[in-house]
């Protein structure tokens, strides 16, 4: 038995809405953390909310997502007195100076 057109259209719109909502919940792409030349961690499609911790400190971060991120030297995405997080634009990478502490966490900038 064929499905009436209005019902089929409504079902299609609902599915499209769910797909678009799911895309907004995650930053599309990968974030790669390295320590020297060694890849420490690759994170795919991280959620856009909250703080994301690297398993170990990294000295280089490649942001291959469609979102901008903030890098922090703390594990909880906070900025200690006298320090600031580093803004990293989408599709960019950042190298920490050898004398500085490694990056330990990041958050997605909305």
C-alpha atoms as a PDB file:
ATOM      1  CA  UNK A   1       0.000   0.000   0.000  1.00  0.00           C
ATOM      2  CA  UNK A   2       1.513   3.378  -1.008  1.00  0.00           C
ATOM      3  CA  UNK A   3       2.263   6.002   1.647  1.00  0.00           C
ATOM      4  CA  UNK A   4       0.367   9.303   1.198  1.00  0.00           C
ATOM      5  CA  UNK A   5       2.606  12.139  -0.064  1.00  0.00           C
ATOM      6  CA  UNK A   6       2.097  14.465   2.916  1.00  0.00           C
ATOM      7  CA  UNK A   7       3.102  11.691   5.312  1.00  0.00           C
ATOM      8  CA  UNK A   8       6.180  10.797   3.236  1.00  0.00           C
ATOM      9  CA  UNK A   9       7.199  14.471   3.066  1.00  0.00           C
ATOM     10  CA  UNK A  10       6.792  14.887   6.811  1.00  0.00           C
ATOM     11  CA  UNK A  11       8.896  11.786   7.481  1.00  0.00           C
ATOM     12  CA  UNK A  12      11.628  13.094   5.148  1.00  0.00           C
ATOM     13  CA  UNK A  13      11.695  16.497   6.856  1.00  0.00           C
ATOM     14  CA  UNK A  14      11.908  14.839  10.292  1.00  0.00           C
ATOM     15  CA  UNK A  15      14.856  12.678   9.199  1.00  0.00           C
ATOM     16  CA  UNK A  16      16.672  15.691   7.721  1.00  0.00           C
ATOM     17  CA  UNK A  17      16.115  17.628  10.942  1.00  0.00           C
ATOM     18  CA  UNK A  18      17.572  14.804  13.022  1.00  0.00           C
ATOM     19  CA  UNK A  19      20.616  14.572  10.741  1.00  0.00           C
ATOM     20  CA  UNK A  20      21.288  18.321  10.920  1.00  0.00           C
ATOM     21  CA  UNK A  21      20.903  18.340  14.701  1.00  0.00           C
ATOM     22  CA  UNK A  22      23.397  15.493  15.033  1.00  0.00           C
ATOM     23  CA  UNK A  23      25.938  17.431  12.966  1.00  0.00           C
ATOM     24  CA  UNK A  24      25.691  20.426  15.292  1.00  0.00           C
ATOM     25  CA  UNK A  25      26.566  18.311  18.324  1.00  0.00           C
ATOM     26  CA  UNK A  26      30.030  17.370  17.026  1.00  0.00           C
ATOM     27  CA  UNK A  27      32.902  19.216  15.373  1.00  0.00           C
ATOM     28  CA  UNK A  28      33.312  17.484  12.011  1.00  0.00           C
ATOM     29  CA  UNK A  29      36.886  16.302  11.392  1.00  0.00           C
ATOM     30  CA  UNK A  30      39.889  15.340  13.508  1.00  0.00           C
ATOM     31  CA  UNK A  31      42.186  16.916  16.056  1.00  0.00           C
ATOM     32  CA  UNK A  32      45.645  15.405  16.175  1.00  0.00           C
ATOM     33  CA  UNK A  33      47.987  15.848  19.126  1.00  0.00           C
ATOM     34  CA  UNK A  34      51.699  15.083  18.758  1.00  0.00           C
ATOM     35  CA  UNK A  35      54.688  15.098  21.029  1.00  0.00           C
ATOM     36  CA  UNK A  36      57.674  15.831  18.838  1.00  0.00           C
ATOM     37  CA  UNK A  37      57.199  13.582  15.812  1.00  0.00           C
ATOM     38  CA  UNK A  38      55.150  10.950  17.679  1.00  0.00           C
ATOM     39  CA  UNK A  39      51.352  11.062  17.257  1.00  0.00           C
ATOM     40  CA  UNK A  40      49.954  10.850  20.777  1.00  0.00           C
ATOM     41  CA  UNK A  41      46.254  10.978  19.996  1.00  0.00           C
ATOM     42  CA  UNK A  42      43.792  11.557  17.158  1.00  0.00           C
ATOM     43  CA  UNK A  43      40.279  12.608  18.168  1.00  0.00           C
ATOM     44  CA  UNK A  44      37.530  12.287  15.557  1.00  0.00           C
ATOM     45  CA  UNK A  45      34.366  14.404  15.575  1.00  0.00           C
ATOM     46  CA  UNK A  46      34.664  15.656  19.180  1.00  0.00           C
ATOM     47  CA  UNK A  47      31.473  16.905  20.880  1.00  0.00           C
ATOM     48  CA  UNK A  48      31.140  20.691  20.688  1.00  0.00           C
ATOM     49  CA  UNK A  49      30.349  21.044  24.392  1.00  0.00           C
ATOM     50  CA  UNK A  50      32.702  20.546  27.305  1.00  0.00           C
ATOM     51  CA  UNK A  51      36.411  20.185  27.866  1.00  0.00           C
ATOM     52  CA  UNK A  52      38.428  17.553  26.016  1.00  0.00           C
ATOM     53  CA  UNK A  53      41.590  16.207  27.624  1.00  0.00           C
ATOM     54  CA  UNK A  54      44.602  14.816  25.783  1.00  0.00           C
ATOM     55  CA  UNK A  55      45.755  11.463  27.228  1.00  0.00           C
ATOM     56  CA  UNK A  56      49.190  13.007  27.720  1.00  0.00           C
ATOM     57  CA  UNK A  57      50.618  16.438  27.106  1.00  0.00           C
ATOM     58  CA  UNK A  58      51.217  17.352  23.462  1.00  0.00           C
ATOM     59  CA  UNK A  59      53.560  19.910  21.918  1.00  0.00           C
ATOM     60  CA  UNK A  60      51.796  20.205  18.570  1.00  0.00           C
ATOM     61  CA  UNK A  61      48.084  20.246  17.703  1.00  0.00           C
ATOM     62  CA  UNK A  62      46.632  20.014  14.194  1.00  0.00           C
ATOM     63  CA  UNK A  63      43.003  21.155  14.035  1.00  0.00           C
ATOM     64  CA  UNK A  64      41.489  19.453  10.989  1.00  0.00           C
ATOM     65  CA  UNK A  65      37.892  20.168  11.982  1.00  0.00           C
ATOM     66  CA  UNK A  66      35.418  22.713  10.670  1.00  0.00           C
ATOM     67  CA  UNK A  67      35.412  24.388  14.104  1.00  0.00           C
ATOM     68  CA  UNK A  68      37.790  26.678  15.961  1.00  0.00           C
ATOM     69  CA  UNK A  69      39.322  25.476  19.239  1.00  0.00           C
ATOM     70  CA  UNK A  70      41.038  26.849  22.337  1.00  0.00           C
ATOM     71  CA  UNK A  71      44.133  25.044  23.651  1.00  0.00           C
ATOM     72  CA  UNK A  72      44.981  24.966  27.346  1.00  0.00           C
ATOM     73  CA  UNK A  73      48.001  23.893  29.362  1.00  0.00           C
ATOM     74  CA  UNK A  74      45.696  22.635  32.138  1.00  0.00           C
ATOM     75  CA  UNK A  75      43.677  19.391  32.071  1.00  0.00           C
ATOM     76  CA  UNK A  76      40.368  21.156  32.780  1.00  0.00           C
ATOM     77  CA  UNK A  77      40.325  23.931  30.147  1.00  0.00           C
ATOM     78  CA  UNK A  78      41.027  26.674  32.680  1.00  0.00           C
ATOM     79  CA  UNK A  79      43.404  29.605  32.411  1.00  0.00           C
ATOM     80  CA  UNK A  80      45.642  29.954  35.474  1.00  0.00           C
ATOM     81  CA  UNK A  81      46.560  33.455  36.613  1.00  0.00           C
ATOM     82  CA  UNK A  82      48.902  35.094  34.133  1.00  0.00           C
ATOM     83  CA  UNK A  83      48.250  32.549  31.368  1.00  0.00           C
ATOM     84  CA  UNK A  84      45.787  32.427  28.516  1.00  0.00           C
ATOM     85  CA  UNK A  85      44.521  29.668  26.292  1.00  0.00           C
ATOM     86  CA  UNK A  86      45.567  29.756  22.644  1.00  0.00           C
ATOM     87  CA  UNK A  87      42.962  30.169  19.912  1.00  0.00           C
ATOM     88  CA  UNK A  88      43.467  27.785  17.001  1.00  0.00           C
ATOM     89  CA  UNK A  89      41.461  28.419  13.855  1.00  0.00           C
ATOM     90  CA  UNK A  90      39.944  25.538  11.909  1.00  0.00           C
ATOM     91  CA  UNK A  91      42.238  23.716   9.510  1.00  0.00           C
ATOM     92  CA  UNK A  92      45.321  25.147  11.300  1.00  0.00           C
ATOM     93  CA  UNK A  93      48.052  23.821  13.577  1.00  0.00           C
ATOM     94  CA  UNK A  94      50.004  25.168  16.542  1.00  0.00           C
ATOM     95  CA  UNK A  95      53.517  24.445  17.758  1.00  0.00           C
ATOM     96  CA  UNK A  96      54.298  25.008  21.431  1.00  0.00           C
ATOM     97  CA  UNK A  97      57.709  26.488  22.173  1.00  0.00           C
ATOM     98  CA  UNK A  98      60.053  23.854  23.673  1.00  0.00           C
ATOM     99  CA  UNK A  99      60.380  25.787  26.941  1.00  0.00           C
ATOM    100  CA  UNK A 100      56.622  25.978  27.514  1.00  0.00           C
ATOM    101  CA  UNK A 101      54.450  23.356  29.175  1.00  0.00           C
ATOM    102  CA  UNK A 102      52.592  21.046  26.774  1.00  0.00           C
ATOM    103  CA  UNK A 103      48.936  21.375  25.754  1.00  0.00           C
ATOM    104  CA  UNK A 104      46.759  19.219  28.010  1.00  0.00           C
ATOM    105  CA  UNK A 105      43.181  20.029  26.934  1.00  0.00           C
ATOM    106  CA  UNK A 106      41.028  21.882  24.412  1.00  0.00           C
ATOM    107  CA  UNK A 107      37.491  23.139  23.948  1.00  0.00           C
ATOM    108  CA  UNK A 108      35.450  23.895  20.831  1.00  0.00           C
ATOM    109  CA  UNK A 109      34.742  27.584  20.257  1.00  0.00           C
ATOM    110  CA  UNK A 110      31.150  28.187  19.237  1.00  0.00           C
END
